[in-house]
């Protein structure tokens, strides 16, 4: 088993290694020979933020996705972090949910309270009322004159329930990550989103594949991103596509698109997710390349990349036609997006 894993890992690295802005290094596994090929990005006319049938994906530009709000400048997952993101003009707020002891969903990333608040222990051991007594800005620090400061301590920042936040921002999407492994979490979250009438502007994902699967069963009308096992399965198909078909005359045009038929061709079934939300590099393995993006778009799947905070990487990913970027500082991403002429896209 270990040998098999090492072999898969080795081939993964061989195929999806770093690439330059307009160049792809085609890896030939037989003999380990690498052949350098040029890639014209303008050939790839399918862009999911433009052609997707789902309202969460479809937009006038790649989605600007505020990672836990403006978390580079304001304590994450707090109302001020969300407000600043909304006021800046983001398309989407990315956040996380945990169930409280009394069955409420709160926007909070960690299982434990210790990293960001003045509390200790698990979120799930507290009621919503108890969590609201904590200082959600307590641990957020900044450097000032060479000293570590805590500018948000005692400023009234709180942990909020999902029903307190989503209605405040009716014109923005929410990307929600289910953090709990509790079996009832997907059902309860689906019910809450339906109650809030937010089904068309929410995408749900999780690092727990079972939670994603369970959520789809109870709320098929709400978009989901690929779970961990699905990402790996997709990568395997993309690998075969890149190796066998990229040299051929593959139709990348946006005319007469039948994403369902293409998914049936490559995967033998219609894919249950609308997006791959993945990092550019996973440990030492590069996932995001122009080839990978081209294949995803070819079968109707959006590529949204996390978490990007430097301008050069933003520029490169936008040039590669990704469909969304998660960032801790959405103002910087907004500035970079404005440099692209998406009105004429």
C-alpha atoms as a PDB file:
ATOM      1  CA  UNK A   1       0.000   0.000   0.000  1.00  0.00           C
ATOM      2  CA  UNK A   2       2.809   2.402   0.875  1.00  0.00           C
ATOM      3  CA  UNK A   3       4.512   1.674  -2.462  1.00  0.00           C
ATOM      4  CA  UNK A   4       1.261   2.369  -4.321  1.00  0.00           C
ATOM      5  CA  UNK A   5       0.782   5.664  -2.517  1.00  0.00           C
ATOM      6  CA  UNK A   6       4.345   6.710  -3.281  1.00  0.00           C
ATOM      7  CA  UNK A   7       3.858   5.847  -6.960  1.00  0.00           C
ATOM      8  CA  UNK A   8       0.620   7.875  -7.170  1.00  0.00           C
ATOM      9  CA  UNK A   9       2.254  10.793  -5.368  1.00  0.00           C
ATOM     10  CA  UNK A  10       5.274  10.648  -7.702  1.00  0.00           C
ATOM     11  CA  UNK A  11       3.114  10.701 -10.822  1.00  0.00           C
ATOM     12  CA  UNK A  12       1.019  13.537  -9.401  1.00  0.00           C
ATOM     13  CA  UNK A  13       4.134  15.654  -8.965  1.00  0.00           C
ATOM     14  CA  UNK A  14       5.388  14.710 -12.425  1.00  0.00           C
ATOM     15  CA  UNK A  15       2.247  15.908 -14.133  1.00  0.00           C
ATOM     16  CA  UNK A  16       1.159  18.974 -12.146  1.00  0.00           C
ATOM     17  CA  UNK A  17       4.501  20.652 -11.482  1.00  0.00           C
ATOM     18  CA  UNK A  18       5.008  24.459 -11.481  1.00  0.00           C
ATOM     19  CA  UNK A  19       4.502  26.233 -14.809  1.00  0.00           C
ATOM     20  CA  UNK A  20       5.276  29.666 -16.184  1.00  0.00           C
ATOM     21  CA  UNK A  21       2.577  32.131 -17.157  1.00  0.00           C
ATOM     22  CA  UNK A  22       2.215  31.085 -20.794  1.00  0.00           C
ATOM     23  CA  UNK A  23       4.137  27.830 -20.911  1.00  0.00           C
ATOM     24  CA  UNK A  24       3.226  24.262 -20.044  1.00  0.00           C
ATOM     25  CA  UNK A  25       5.828  21.599 -19.443  1.00  0.00           C
ATOM     26  CA  UNK A  26       4.222  18.394 -20.756  1.00  0.00           C
ATOM     27  CA  UNK A  27       5.529  15.493 -18.689  1.00  0.00           C
ATOM     28  CA  UNK A  28       6.013  12.196 -20.443  1.00  0.00           C
ATOM     29  CA  UNK A  29       6.102   9.562 -17.721  1.00  0.00           C
ATOM     30  CA  UNK A  30       7.745   7.032 -20.020  1.00  0.00           C
ATOM     31  CA  UNK A  31      11.432   7.770 -19.675  1.00  0.00           C
ATOM     32  CA  UNK A  32      10.813  10.937 -17.672  1.00  0.00           C
ATOM     33  CA  UNK A  33      11.286  13.179 -20.734  1.00  0.00           C
ATOM     34  CA  UNK A  34       9.841  16.659 -20.510  1.00  0.00           C
ATOM     35  CA  UNK A  35       8.715  18.509 -23.591  1.00  0.00           C
ATOM     36  CA  UNK A  36       8.181  22.255 -23.508  1.00  0.00           C
ATOM     37  CA  UNK A  37       5.009  23.532 -25.185  1.00  0.00           C
ATOM     38  CA  UNK A  38       3.462  26.968 -25.563  1.00  0.00           C
ATOM     39  CA  UNK A  39      -0.145  27.525 -24.570  1.00  0.00           C
ATOM     40  CA  UNK A  40      -2.362  30.295 -25.883  1.00  0.00           C
ATOM     41  CA  UNK A  41      -4.764  31.096 -23.058  1.00  0.00           C
ATOM     42  CA  UNK A  42      -7.108  32.866 -25.489  1.00  0.00           C
ATOM     43  CA  UNK A  43      -7.970  29.470 -26.988  1.00  0.00           C
ATOM     44  CA  UNK A  44      -9.867  28.528 -23.856  1.00  0.00           C
ATOM     45  CA  UNK A  45     -13.166  30.291 -24.395  1.00  0.00           C
ATOM     46  CA  UNK A  46     -15.165  28.400 -21.788  1.00  0.00           C
ATOM     47  CA  UNK A  47     -15.097  30.435 -18.576  1.00  0.00           C
ATOM     48  CA  UNK A  48     -17.394  29.147 -15.879  1.00  0.00           C
ATOM     49  CA  UNK A  49     -18.056  32.489 -14.215  1.00  0.00           C
ATOM     50  CA  UNK A  50     -19.446  33.508 -17.599  1.00  0.00           C
ATOM     51  CA  UNK A  51     -21.188  30.328 -18.797  1.00  0.00           C
ATOM     52  CA  UNK A  52     -22.252  28.446 -15.655  1.00  0.00           C
ATOM     53  CA  UNK A  53     -25.954  27.748 -15.275  1.00  0.00           C
ATOM     54  CA  UNK A  54     -25.808  28.170 -11.498  1.00  0.00           C
ATOM     55  CA  UNK A  55     -26.356  31.677 -10.049  1.00  0.00           C
ATOM     56  CA  UNK A  56     -23.657  31.180  -7.423  1.00  0.00           C
ATOM     57  CA  UNK A  57     -20.974  30.668 -10.085  1.00  0.00           C
ATOM     58  CA  UNK A  58     -22.222  32.947 -12.843  1.00  0.00           C
ATOM     59  CA  UNK A  59     -20.979  36.520 -12.593  1.00  0.00           C
ATOM     60  CA  UNK A  60     -19.563  39.430 -14.583  1.00  0.00           C
ATOM     61  CA  UNK A  61     -16.026  38.589 -13.410  1.00  0.00           C
ATOM     62  CA  UNK A  62     -14.197  35.903 -11.428  1.00  0.00           C
ATOM     63  CA  UNK A  63     -15.643  35.776  -7.931  1.00  0.00           C
ATOM     64  CA  UNK A  64     -13.862  37.904  -5.348  1.00  0.00           C
ATOM     65  CA  UNK A  65     -14.198  35.757  -2.236  1.00  0.00           C
ATOM     66  CA  UNK A  66     -13.423  37.310   1.138  1.00  0.00           C
ATOM     67  CA  UNK A  67     -11.831  34.608   3.298  1.00  0.00           C
ATOM     68  CA  UNK A  68     -13.593  34.893   6.678  1.00  0.00           C
ATOM     69  CA  UNK A  69     -14.297  38.510   5.740  1.00  0.00           C
ATOM     70  CA  UNK A  70     -11.465  41.037   5.582  1.00  0.00           C
ATOM     71  CA  UNK A  71      -9.522  38.782   7.925  1.00  0.00           C
ATOM     72  CA  UNK A  72      -6.121  40.330   7.179  1.00  0.00           C
ATOM     73  CA  UNK A  73      -7.197  43.558   8.859  1.00  0.00           C
ATOM     74  CA  UNK A  74     -10.108  42.656  11.161  1.00  0.00           C
ATOM     75  CA  UNK A  75     -10.735  39.604  13.403  1.00  0.00           C
ATOM     76  CA  UNK A  76     -12.020  36.752  11.253  1.00  0.00           C
ATOM     77  CA  UNK A  77     -15.677  35.744  11.021  1.00  0.00           C
ATOM     78  CA  UNK A  78     -16.849  38.826  12.907  1.00  0.00           C
ATOM     79  CA  UNK A  79     -19.511  41.271  11.802  1.00  0.00           C
ATOM     80  CA  UNK A  80     -17.014  44.118  11.124  1.00  0.00           C
ATOM     81  CA  UNK A  81     -14.917  41.761   8.954  1.00  0.00           C
ATOM     82  CA  UNK A  82     -18.014  40.858   6.940  1.00  0.00           C
ATOM     83  CA  UNK A  83     -19.199  44.482   6.752  1.00  0.00           C
ATOM     84  CA  UNK A  84     -15.882  45.724   5.393  1.00  0.00           C
ATOM     85  CA  UNK A  85     -15.876  42.966   2.773  1.00  0.00           C
ATOM     86  CA  UNK A  86     -19.422  43.823   1.741  1.00  0.00           C
ATOM     87  CA  UNK A  87     -18.704  47.559   1.580  1.00  0.00           C
ATOM     88  CA  UNK A  88     -15.592  46.926  -0.517  1.00  0.00           C
ATOM     89  CA  UNK A  89     -17.742  45.226  -3.150  1.00  0.00           C
ATOM     90  CA  UNK A  90     -16.830  41.540  -2.880  1.00  0.00           C
ATOM     91  CA  UNK A  91     -18.914  38.902  -4.632  1.00  0.00           C
ATOM     92  CA  UNK A  92     -18.736  36.318  -1.868  1.00  0.00           C
ATOM     93  CA  UNK A  93     -17.971  35.945   1.829  1.00  0.00           C
ATOM     94  CA  UNK A  94     -16.279  32.688   2.768  1.00  0.00           C
ATOM     95  CA  UNK A  95     -16.941  31.423   6.259  1.00  0.00           C
ATOM     96  CA  UNK A  96     -17.239  28.334   8.447  1.00  0.00           C
ATOM     97  CA  UNK A  97     -19.966  26.930  10.689  1.00  0.00           C
ATOM     98  CA  UNK A  98     -19.993  24.977  13.931  1.00  0.00           C
ATOM     99  CA  UNK A  99     -22.951  23.727  15.942  1.00  0.00           C
ATOM    100  CA  UNK A 100     -23.311  25.021  19.473  1.00  0.00           C
ATOM    101  CA  UNK A 101     -24.360  22.963  22.474  1.00  0.00           C
ATOM    102  CA  UNK A 102     -27.952  24.136  22.028  1.00  0.00           C
ATOM    103  CA  UNK A 103     -28.134  23.516  18.272  1.00  0.00           C
ATOM    104  CA  UNK A 104     -27.317  26.892  16.714  1.00  0.00           C
ATOM    105  CA  UNK A 105     -24.904  27.351  13.805  1.00  0.00           C
ATOM    106  CA  UNK A 106     -22.246  29.978  14.468  1.00  0.00           C
ATOM    107  CA  UNK A 107     -19.688  31.430  12.093  1.00  0.00           C
ATOM    108  CA  UNK A 108     -16.406  30.154  13.537  1.00  0.00           C
ATOM    109  CA  UNK A 109     -13.446  28.345  11.995  1.00  0.00           C
ATOM    110  CA  UNK A 110     -11.678  26.345  14.709  1.00  0.00           C
ATOM    111  CA  UNK A 111     -13.089  23.556  16.835  1.00  0.00           C
ATOM    112  CA  UNK A 112     -11.509  25.293  19.822  1.00  0.00           C
ATOM    113  CA  UNK A 113     -12.075  28.831  21.037  1.00  0.00           C
ATOM    114  CA  UNK A 114      -8.551  29.499  22.235  1.00  0.00           C
ATOM    115  CA  UNK A 115      -6.870  30.884  19.078  1.00  0.00           C
ATOM    116  CA  UNK A 116      -9.180  33.834  18.461  1.00  0.00           C
ATOM    117  CA  UNK A 117     -11.158  34.528  21.656  1.00  0.00           C
ATOM    118  CA  UNK A 118     -10.650  34.915  25.401  1.00  0.00           C
ATOM    119  CA  UNK A 119     -12.461  31.614  25.896  1.00  0.00           C
ATOM    120  CA  UNK A 120     -11.151  28.071  26.107  1.00  0.00           C
ATOM    121  CA  UNK A 121     -12.452  24.678  25.062  1.00  0.00           C
ATOM    122  CA  UNK A 122     -14.671  23.443  22.252  1.00  0.00           C
ATOM    123  CA  UNK A 123     -17.301  25.552  20.512  1.00  0.00           C
ATOM    124  CA  UNK A 124     -19.700  22.627  20.821  1.00  0.00           C
ATOM    125  CA  UNK A 125     -19.469  22.713  24.627  1.00  0.00           C
ATOM    126  CA  UNK A 126     -21.006  26.199  24.787  1.00  0.00           C
ATOM    127  CA  UNK A 127     -24.524  27.492  24.195  1.00  0.00           C
ATOM    128  CA  UNK A 128     -25.027  30.430  21.834  1.00  0.00           C
ATOM    129  CA  UNK A 129     -25.707  32.717  24.799  1.00  0.00           C
ATOM    130  CA  UNK A 130     -22.456  31.643  26.457  1.00  0.00           C
ATOM    131  CA  UNK A 131     -20.455  32.151  23.253  1.00  0.00           C
ATOM    132  CA  UNK A 132     -21.813  35.666  22.878  1.00  0.00           C
ATOM    133  CA  UNK A 133     -20.202  36.634  26.180  1.00  0.00           C
ATOM    134  CA  UNK A 134     -16.743  35.989  24.718  1.00  0.00           C
ATOM    135  CA  UNK A 135     -14.510  38.577  23.036  1.00  0.00           C
ATOM    136  CA  UNK A 136     -14.098  37.483  19.380  1.00  0.00           C
ATOM    137  CA  UNK A 137     -11.392  40.110  18.805  1.00  0.00           C
ATOM    138  CA  UNK A 138      -9.314  39.279  21.845  1.00  0.00           C
ATOM    139  CA  UNK A 139      -6.381  37.474  20.159  1.00  0.00           C
ATOM    140  CA  UNK A 140      -6.144  39.530  16.959  1.00  0.00           C
ATOM    141  CA  UNK A 141      -2.780  41.293  16.971  1.00  0.00           C
ATOM    142  CA  UNK A 142      -0.933  43.882  14.906  1.00  0.00           C
ATOM    143  CA  UNK A 143       2.571  45.316  15.005  1.00  0.00           C
ATOM    144  CA  UNK A 144       2.817  48.992  15.951  1.00  0.00           C
ATOM    145  CA  UNK A 145       6.161  50.713  16.473  1.00  0.00           C
ATOM    146  CA  UNK A 146       7.779  47.315  16.765  1.00  0.00           C
ATOM    147  CA  UNK A 147       5.431  46.167  19.489  1.00  0.00           C
ATOM    148  CA  UNK A 148       2.588  43.665  19.430  1.00  0.00           C
ATOM    149  CA  UNK A 149      -0.776  45.298  19.992  1.00  0.00           C
ATOM    150  CA  UNK A 150      -4.346  44.002  20.349  1.00  0.00           C
ATOM    151  CA  UNK A 151      -6.482  46.777  18.813  1.00  0.00           C
ATOM    152  CA  UNK A 152      -9.805  44.903  18.920  1.00  0.00           C
ATOM    153  CA  UNK A 153      -9.796  43.766  22.530  1.00  0.00           C
ATOM    154  CA  UNK A 154     -12.811  45.038  24.403  1.00  0.00           C
ATOM    155  CA  UNK A 155     -14.398  46.496  21.242  1.00  0.00           C
ATOM    156  CA  UNK A 156     -17.523  44.383  21.472  1.00  0.00           C
ATOM    157  CA  UNK A 157     -16.769  41.880  18.694  1.00  0.00           C
ATOM    158  CA  UNK A 158     -18.879  38.775  19.134  1.00  0.00           C
ATOM    159  CA  UNK A 159     -19.477  35.296  17.733  1.00  0.00           C
ATOM    160  CA  UNK A 160     -22.648  35.343  15.623  1.00  0.00           C
ATOM    161  CA  UNK A 161     -25.275  32.820  14.614  1.00  0.00           C
ATOM    162  CA  UNK A 162     -25.860  32.248  10.920  1.00  0.00           C
ATOM    163  CA  UNK A 163     -29.358  33.759  11.031  1.00  0.00           C
ATOM    164  CA  UNK A 164     -27.916  37.002  12.423  1.00  0.00           C
ATOM    165  CA  UNK A 165     -25.514  37.526   9.522  1.00  0.00           C
ATOM    166  CA  UNK A 166     -26.885  36.256   6.211  1.00  0.00           C
ATOM    167  CA  UNK A 167     -29.985  38.517   6.163  1.00  0.00           C
ATOM    168  CA  UNK A 168     -27.765  41.586   6.685  1.00  0.00           C
ATOM    169  CA  UNK A 169     -26.087  41.070   3.291  1.00  0.00           C
ATOM    170  CA  UNK A 170     -28.867  40.180   0.834  1.00  0.00           C
ATOM    171  CA  UNK A 171     -26.830  40.848  -2.309  1.00  0.00           C
ATOM    172  CA  UNK A 172     -23.714  38.833  -1.534  1.00  0.00           C
ATOM    173  CA  UNK A 173     -22.964  35.118  -1.823  1.00  0.00           C
ATOM    174  CA  UNK A 174     -21.855  32.989   1.111  1.00  0.00           C
ATOM    175  CA  UNK A 175     -19.443  30.075   0.812  1.00  0.00           C
ATOM    176  CA  UNK A 176     -19.969  27.911   3.898  1.00  0.00           C
ATOM    177  CA  UNK A 177     -17.662  25.169   5.155  1.00  0.00           C
ATOM    178  CA  UNK A 178     -19.194  22.536   7.451  1.00  0.00           C
ATOM    179  CA  UNK A 179     -16.608  21.934  10.160  1.00  0.00           C
ATOM    180  CA  UNK A 180     -18.551  19.511  12.361  1.00  0.00           C
ATOM    181  CA  UNK A 181     -18.541  15.760  11.826  1.00  0.00           C
ATOM    182  CA  UNK A 182     -21.875  15.486  13.656  1.00  0.00           C
ATOM    183  CA  UNK A 183     -24.319  13.524  11.484  1.00  0.00           C
ATOM    184  CA  UNK A 184     -27.197  15.930  11.971  1.00  0.00           C
ATOM    185  CA  UNK A 185     -25.177  18.996  10.905  1.00  0.00           C
ATOM    186  CA  UNK A 186     -25.902  18.762   7.122  1.00  0.00           C
ATOM    187  CA  UNK A 187     -29.646  18.341   7.687  1.00  0.00           C
ATOM    188  CA  UNK A 188     -29.837  21.224  10.147  1.00  0.00           C
ATOM    189  CA  UNK A 189     -27.759  23.500   7.923  1.00  0.00           C
ATOM    190  CA  UNK A 190     -29.944  22.759   4.904  1.00  0.00           C
ATOM    191  CA  UNK A 191     -33.053  23.572   6.916  1.00  0.00           C
ATOM    192  CA  UNK A 192     -31.555  26.830   8.157  1.00  0.00           C
ATOM    193  CA  UNK A 193     -30.522  27.986   4.667  1.00  0.00           C
ATOM    194  CA  UNK A 194     -33.987  27.158   3.347  1.00  0.00           C
ATOM    195  CA  UNK A 195     -35.575  29.134   6.180  1.00  0.00           C
ATOM    196  CA  UNK A 196     -33.348  32.100   5.306  1.00  0.00           C
ATOM    197  CA  UNK A 197     -34.304  31.848   1.614  1.00  0.00           C
ATOM    198  CA  UNK A 198     -30.599  31.809   0.734  1.00  0.00           C
ATOM    199  CA  UNK A 199     -30.432  28.648  -1.380  1.00  0.00           C
ATOM    200  CA  UNK A 200     -29.344  30.333  -4.629  1.00  0.00           C
ATOM    201  CA  UNK A 201     -26.580  32.456  -3.132  1.00  0.00           C
ATOM    202  CA  UNK A 202     -24.873  29.829  -0.999  1.00  0.00           C
ATOM    203  CA  UNK A 203     -22.317  27.151  -1.817  1.00  0.00           C
ATOM    204  CA  UNK A 204     -21.615  24.500   0.810  1.00  0.00           C
ATOM    205  CA  UNK A 205     -18.466  22.439   1.157  1.00  0.00           C
ATOM    206  CA  UNK A 206     -16.560  20.448   3.739  1.00  0.00           C
ATOM    207  CA  UNK A 207     -13.273  18.687   4.283  1.00  0.00           C
ATOM    208  CA  UNK A 208     -15.415  15.774   5.478  1.00  0.00           C
ATOM    209  CA  UNK A 209     -16.685  13.942   2.374  1.00  0.00           C
ATOM    210  CA  UNK A 210     -19.522  12.275   4.290  1.00  0.00           C
ATOM    211  CA  UNK A 211     -20.901  15.679   5.290  1.00  0.00           C
ATOM    212  CA  UNK A 212     -20.945  16.917   1.696  1.00  0.00           C
ATOM    213  CA  UNK A 213     -22.689  13.735   0.545  1.00  0.00           C
ATOM    214  CA  UNK A 214     -25.296  13.997   3.277  1.00  0.00           C
ATOM    215  CA  UNK A 215     -25.963  17.667   2.548  1.00  0.00           C
ATOM    216  CA  UNK A 216     -26.638  16.969  -1.144  1.00  0.00           C
ATOM    217  CA  UNK A 217     -29.249  14.349  -0.260  1.00  0.00           C
ATOM    218  CA  UNK A 218     -31.339  16.765   1.791  1.00  0.00           C
ATOM    219  CA  UNK A 219     -30.718  19.944  -0.251  1.00  0.00           C
ATOM    220  CA  UNK A 220     -29.974  19.078  -3.901  1.00  0.00           C
ATOM    221  CA  UNK A 221     -31.014  22.581  -4.941  1.00  0.00           C
ATOM    222  CA  UNK A 222     -28.075  24.169  -3.081  1.00  0.00           C
ATOM    223  CA  UNK A 223     -24.715  24.206  -4.856  1.00  0.00           C
ATOM    224  CA  UNK A 224     -21.823  22.278  -3.336  1.00  0.00           C
ATOM    225  CA  UNK A 225     -18.108  22.126  -3.988  1.00  0.00           C
ATOM    226  CA  UNK A 226     -16.172  18.892  -4.405  1.00  0.00           C
ATOM    227  CA  UNK A 227     -15.208  16.964  -1.293  1.00  0.00           C
ATOM    228  CA  UNK A 228     -11.681  15.595  -0.726  1.00  0.00           C
ATOM    229  CA  UNK A 229     -12.268  12.221  -2.405  1.00  0.00           C
ATOM    230  CA  UNK A 230     -13.976  13.918  -5.334  1.00  0.00           C
ATOM    231  CA  UNK A 231     -11.053  16.288  -5.821  1.00  0.00           C
ATOM    232  CA  UNK A 232      -8.652  13.352  -6.057  1.00  0.00           C
ATOM    233  CA  UNK A 233     -10.951  11.504  -8.473  1.00  0.00           C
ATOM    234  CA  UNK A 234     -11.238  14.615 -10.628  1.00  0.00           C
ATOM    235  CA  UNK A 235      -7.473  15.024 -10.657  1.00  0.00           C
ATOM    236  CA  UNK A 236      -7.067  11.466 -11.966  1.00  0.00           C
ATOM    237  CA  UNK A 237      -9.443  12.166 -14.861  1.00  0.00           C
ATOM    238  CA  UNK A 238      -7.733  15.473 -15.591  1.00  0.00           C
ATOM    239  CA  UNK A 239      -4.405  13.666 -15.671  1.00  0.00           C
ATOM    240  CA  UNK A 240      -5.656  11.206 -18.291  1.00  0.00           C
ATOM    241  CA  UNK A 241      -7.156  14.047 -20.315  1.00  0.00           C
ATOM    242  CA  UNK A 242      -3.909  16.024 -20.273  1.00  0.00           C
ATOM    243  CA  UNK A 243      -1.843  13.022 -21.263  1.00  0.00           C
ATOM    244  CA  UNK A 244      -4.049  11.609 -24.045  1.00  0.00           C
ATOM    245  CA  UNK A 245      -6.151  14.416 -25.446  1.00  0.00           C
ATOM    246  CA  UNK A 246      -4.356  17.718 -25.022  1.00  0.00           C
ATOM    247  CA  UNK A 247      -2.324  17.146 -28.170  1.00  0.00           C
ATOM    248  CA  UNK A 248      -5.478  16.443 -30.171  1.00  0.00           C
ATOM    249  CA  UNK A 249      -7.967  18.880 -31.622  1.00  0.00           C
ATOM    250  CA  UNK A 250     -10.174  19.144 -28.564  1.00  0.00           C
ATOM    251  CA  UNK A 251     -13.179  21.463 -28.765  1.00  0.00           C
ATOM    252  CA  UNK A 252     -12.735  24.131 -26.095  1.00  0.00           C
ATOM    253  CA  UNK A 253     -15.246  26.505 -27.681  1.00  0.00           C
ATOM    254  CA  UNK A 254     -18.266  27.799 -25.814  1.00  0.00           C
ATOM    255  CA  UNK A 255     -20.609  26.941 -28.664  1.00  0.00           C
ATOM    256  CA  UNK A 256     -23.068  24.078 -28.293  1.00  0.00           C
ATOM    257  CA  UNK A 257     -21.789  23.257 -24.819  1.00  0.00           C
ATOM    258  CA  UNK A 258     -23.162  20.094 -23.253  1.00  0.00           C
ATOM    259  CA  UNK A 259     -21.422  19.883 -19.917  1.00  0.00           C
ATOM    260  CA  UNK A 260     -23.615  16.979 -18.857  1.00  0.00           C
ATOM    261  CA  UNK A 261     -22.602  14.955 -21.903  1.00  0.00           C
ATOM    262  CA  UNK A 262     -18.928  15.715 -21.360  1.00  0.00           C
ATOM    263  CA  UNK A 263     -19.179  14.674 -17.722  1.00  0.00           C
ATOM    264  CA  UNK A 264     -20.835  11.420 -18.756  1.00  0.00           C
ATOM    265  CA  UNK A 265     -18.037  10.856 -21.264  1.00  0.00           C
ATOM    266  CA  UNK A 266     -15.205  11.297 -18.788  1.00  0.00           C
ATOM    267  CA  UNK A 267     -16.791  10.331 -15.459  1.00  0.00           C
ATOM    268  CA  UNK A 268     -19.646   7.968 -16.498  1.00  0.00           C
ATOM    269  CA  UNK A 269     -22.041  10.080 -14.417  1.00  0.00           C
ATOM    270  CA  UNK A 270     -23.132  13.677 -13.938  1.00  0.00           C
ATOM    271  CA  UNK A 271     -20.945  15.381 -11.332  1.00  0.00           C
ATOM    272  CA  UNK A 272     -22.790  16.385  -8.135  1.00  0.00           C
ATOM    273  CA  UNK A 273     -20.648  19.489  -7.536  1.00  0.00           C
ATOM    274  CA  UNK A 274     -20.220  22.798  -9.343  1.00  0.00           C
ATOM    275  CA  UNK A 275     -16.725  23.828  -8.255  1.00  0.00           C
ATOM    276  CA  UNK A 276     -13.322  22.666  -7.128  1.00  0.00           C
ATOM    277  CA  UNK A 277     -12.193  24.873  -4.254  1.00  0.00           C
ATOM    278  CA  UNK A 278      -8.548  23.999  -3.817  1.00  0.00           C
ATOM    279  CA  UNK A 279      -5.150  25.554  -3.080  1.00  0.00           C
ATOM    280  CA  UNK A 280      -2.751  26.304  -5.882  1.00  0.00           C
ATOM    281  CA  UNK A 281      -0.197  23.987  -4.275  1.00  0.00           C
ATOM    282  CA  UNK A 282      -0.958  21.180  -1.831  1.00  0.00           C
ATOM    283  CA  UNK A 283       2.209  20.567   0.188  1.00  0.00           C
ATOM    284  CA  UNK A 284       4.767  20.252  -2.656  1.00  0.00           C
ATOM    285  CA  UNK A 285       2.233  19.230  -5.304  1.00  0.00           C
ATOM    286  CA  UNK A 286       0.988  21.839  -7.755  1.00  0.00           C
ATOM    287  CA  UNK A 287      -2.714  21.397  -8.410  1.00  0.00           C
ATOM    288  CA  UNK A 288      -3.560  24.524 -10.390  1.00  0.00           C
ATOM    289  CA  UNK A 289      -2.170  24.702 -13.916  1.00  0.00           C
ATOM    290  CA  UNK A 290      -3.636  25.987 -17.193  1.00  0.00           C
ATOM    291  CA  UNK A 291      -4.195  22.371 -18.281  1.00  0.00           C
ATOM    292  CA  UNK A 292      -6.083  21.532 -15.117  1.00  0.00           C
ATOM    293  CA  UNK A 293      -8.248  24.648 -15.448  1.00  0.00           C
ATOM    294  CA  UNK A 294      -8.899  23.930 -19.134  1.00  0.00           C
ATOM    295  CA  UNK A 295     -10.132  20.415 -18.397  1.00  0.00           C
ATOM    296  CA  UNK A 296     -12.343  21.603 -15.528  1.00  0.00           C
ATOM    297  CA  UNK A 297     -13.952  24.224 -17.740  1.00  0.00           C
ATOM    298  CA  UNK A 298     -14.303  21.686 -20.539  1.00  0.00           C
ATOM    299  CA  UNK A 299     -16.605  19.621 -18.315  1.00  0.00           C
ATOM    300  CA  UNK A 300     -18.388  22.585 -16.723  1.00  0.00           C
ATOM    301  CA  UNK A 301     -16.642  22.801 -13.352  1.00  0.00           C
ATOM    302  CA  UNK A 302     -15.478  26.088 -11.842  1.00  0.00           C
ATOM    303  CA  UNK A 303     -12.016  26.501 -10.325  1.00  0.00           C
ATOM    304  CA  UNK A 304     -11.817  28.648  -7.192  1.00  0.00           C
ATOM    305  CA  UNK A 305      -8.425  28.958  -5.504  1.00  0.00           C
ATOM    306  CA  UNK A 306      -7.572  29.547  -1.846  1.00  0.00           C
ATOM    307  CA  UNK A 307      -6.035  31.467  -0.107  1.00  0.00           C
ATOM    308  CA  UNK A 308      -4.180  34.045  -2.234  1.00  0.00           C
ATOM    309  CA  UNK A 309      -2.861  37.299  -0.749  1.00  0.00           C
ATOM    310  CA  UNK A 310      -0.027  38.439  -3.032  1.00  0.00           C
ATOM    311  CA  UNK A 311      -0.595  40.476  -6.173  1.00  0.00           C
ATOM    312  CA  UNK A 312       1.645  38.499  -8.527  1.00  0.00           C
ATOM    313  CA  UNK A 313      -0.150  35.231  -7.822  1.00  0.00           C
ATOM    314  CA  UNK A 314      -3.521  36.960  -8.189  1.00  0.00           C
ATOM    315  CA  UNK A 315      -2.467  38.317 -11.581  1.00  0.00           C
ATOM    316  CA  UNK A 316      -1.234  34.929 -12.778  1.00  0.00           C
ATOM    317  CA  UNK A 317      -4.373  33.089 -11.689  1.00  0.00           C
ATOM    318  CA  UNK A 318      -6.614  35.698 -13.299  1.00  0.00           C
ATOM    319  CA  UNK A 319      -4.596  35.329 -16.492  1.00  0.00           C
ATOM    320  CA  UNK A 320      -5.129  31.580 -16.296  1.00  0.00           C
ATOM    321  CA  UNK A 321      -8.901  32.177 -16.184  1.00  0.00           C
ATOM    322  CA  UNK A 322      -9.749  30.854 -12.717  1.00  0.00           C
ATOM    323  CA  UNK A 323     -13.349  31.423 -11.676  1.00  0.00           C
ATOM    324  CA  UNK A 324     -12.766  32.758  -8.195  1.00  0.00           C
ATOM    325  CA  UNK A 325     -10.068  33.600  -5.671  1.00  0.00           C
ATOM    326  CA  UNK A 326     -10.295  33.417  -1.887  1.00  0.00           C
ATOM    327  CA  UNK A 327      -8.255  36.101  -0.144  1.00  0.00           C
ATOM    328  CA  UNK A 328      -7.765  37.578   3.318  1.00  0.00           C
ATOM    329  CA  UNK A 329      -7.459  41.043   1.764  1.00  0.00           C
ATOM    330  CA  UNK A 330     -10.180  41.439  -0.884  1.00  0.00           C
ATOM    331  CA  UNK A 331      -9.378  45.111  -1.455  1.00  0.00           C
ATOM    332  CA  UNK A 332      -6.065  44.092  -3.023  1.00  0.00           C
ATOM    333  CA  UNK A 333      -7.790  41.500  -5.208  1.00  0.00           C
ATOM    334  CA  UNK A 334     -10.397  44.048  -6.291  1.00  0.00           C
ATOM    335  CA  UNK A 335      -7.597  46.340  -7.440  1.00  0.00           C
ATOM    336  CA  UNK A 336      -6.067  43.553  -9.520  1.00  0.00           C
ATOM    337  CA  UNK A 337      -9.388  42.479 -11.025  1.00  0.00           C
ATOM    338  CA  UNK A 338     -10.052  46.041 -12.194  1.00  0.00           C
ATOM    339  CA  UNK A 339      -6.933  45.806 -14.373  1.00  0.00           C
ATOM    340  CA  UNK A 340      -8.645  43.119 -16.485  1.00  0.00           C
ATOM    341  CA  UNK A 341     -11.244  44.141 -19.065  1.00  0.00           C
ATOM    342  CA  UNK A 342     -13.996  41.774 -17.946  1.00  0.00           C
ATOM    343  CA  UNK A 343     -16.750  43.947 -19.396  1.00  0.00           C
ATOM    344  CA  UNK A 344     -15.811  42.679 -22.830  1.00  0.00           C
ATOM    345  CA  UNK A 345     -15.164  39.097 -21.741  1.00  0.00           C
END
